[in-house]
Amino acid sequence: MSSKKKPVVPGLEPPQARLAPRLPPTLLATESAWAGDAAAKKQAREERDALVRGVTSIEEMRDAIRRVGRGLPAISELARVGILDAAAFRARAAQGLPFVIPGVVKRWPLSGLTPHTLRERFSHVPVRARVGHYINTAFAPDRAMQDMSMLEYLDLVDAGAEGLPPYLGNLELRELNSMCFWPAYFSKMGPPRFWLGPAGTVTPLHCDYDDNIFAQIWGTKQIFLSPPHHDEFLYANPANAILFGSPFDPEAPDFDRFPLARQATMIECIVNPGDMLYVPAGWYHQVRALTFSLSANRWARAVPFALNGEPSLLRTSS
């Protein structure tokens, strides 16, 4: 028998020869390690989030919020209620619906100042601005941001660049917070976050799986809200375990791209200076400044009020 190998005719190779070449084992190990590391970090973060909120898991909490949402009454506008103490607020919030408390924020010293104060007293404060087409990347880790001083930001706004105006969003500005009197509605709260910008700044449609109190300090904003269980109509995607974004724009609905969104309820609300808005966990909302605005908010770090301390969700101490 001849020891020569038969020539291989292209297309007629043995099946094992047509398999895609395997990566070197060292590369596969590295790739696997990266994937495992990312998965481990995600799992660790979700476990930490669950521990902070005292729940068994964030996924179970999200499911419970959607389930409760299906039993909520349909509303076409938000209730506007009188100023509430903590007990009355919690009882109202347990109903699972958003509402507005007019006038409560007017008591804050910061409300008595004017936007010009930002130049006079806070021009040196370092800020980070959302710039460019930030709506499309609002919940992406690589969105365009620019570090500057408050004065540089105000000058940038005054320059009136084309497109979306630059936006200071989700910033922890301690200099401003020293003039805020946050009510003790939540037993456990995250740090205050500030939102500053001219008319036309937008935070696109999204939901946070934490209860939220939103204070309108200066200016007026338009807010669209949709209940938690309507996420199935909003093509939602997770940014992380407690933040989901939607590509649907209730201000310019594109039902050709998002046909299910026809079934989503959208409730429009205008918040004015001095108003405080309660946004229950899981409610989708989109926010647009109608005038130069300063807002602030705080998220709870506990079991959402609408779940009424659901025993099956509560983490037991070991």
Foldseek 3Di string as FASTA:
>chain_A
DDPDDDDDDPPRDPPVVPDDDDDPPVVVVVVVVVVVVVVVVQVVVQVVLLVLAQWPTLVVLLVLQLVLLVVADDDQAAAEDEDDAQVVLLVVQLSVDKHKHFQQFCPFPLLVDDPVVCVVPFQAAKAKKQDDPCQVCVLPPPGDIDIDGSVVLVVQQVVPDPDARIKGWFAQDVVSCVRGDDHPNAVAWDGKGKIWDFFRDKHAKKFFQFKKKKAWRAAKKKKKKWGQNCVVQFCWDDSGSGMIGGPAGPVDGDCVVRVSVVPIDIHMDMDHHRMMMIDWGRMIMMMGTRGGTMMMMMTHSYRTSNSVPVVNTGNDDD
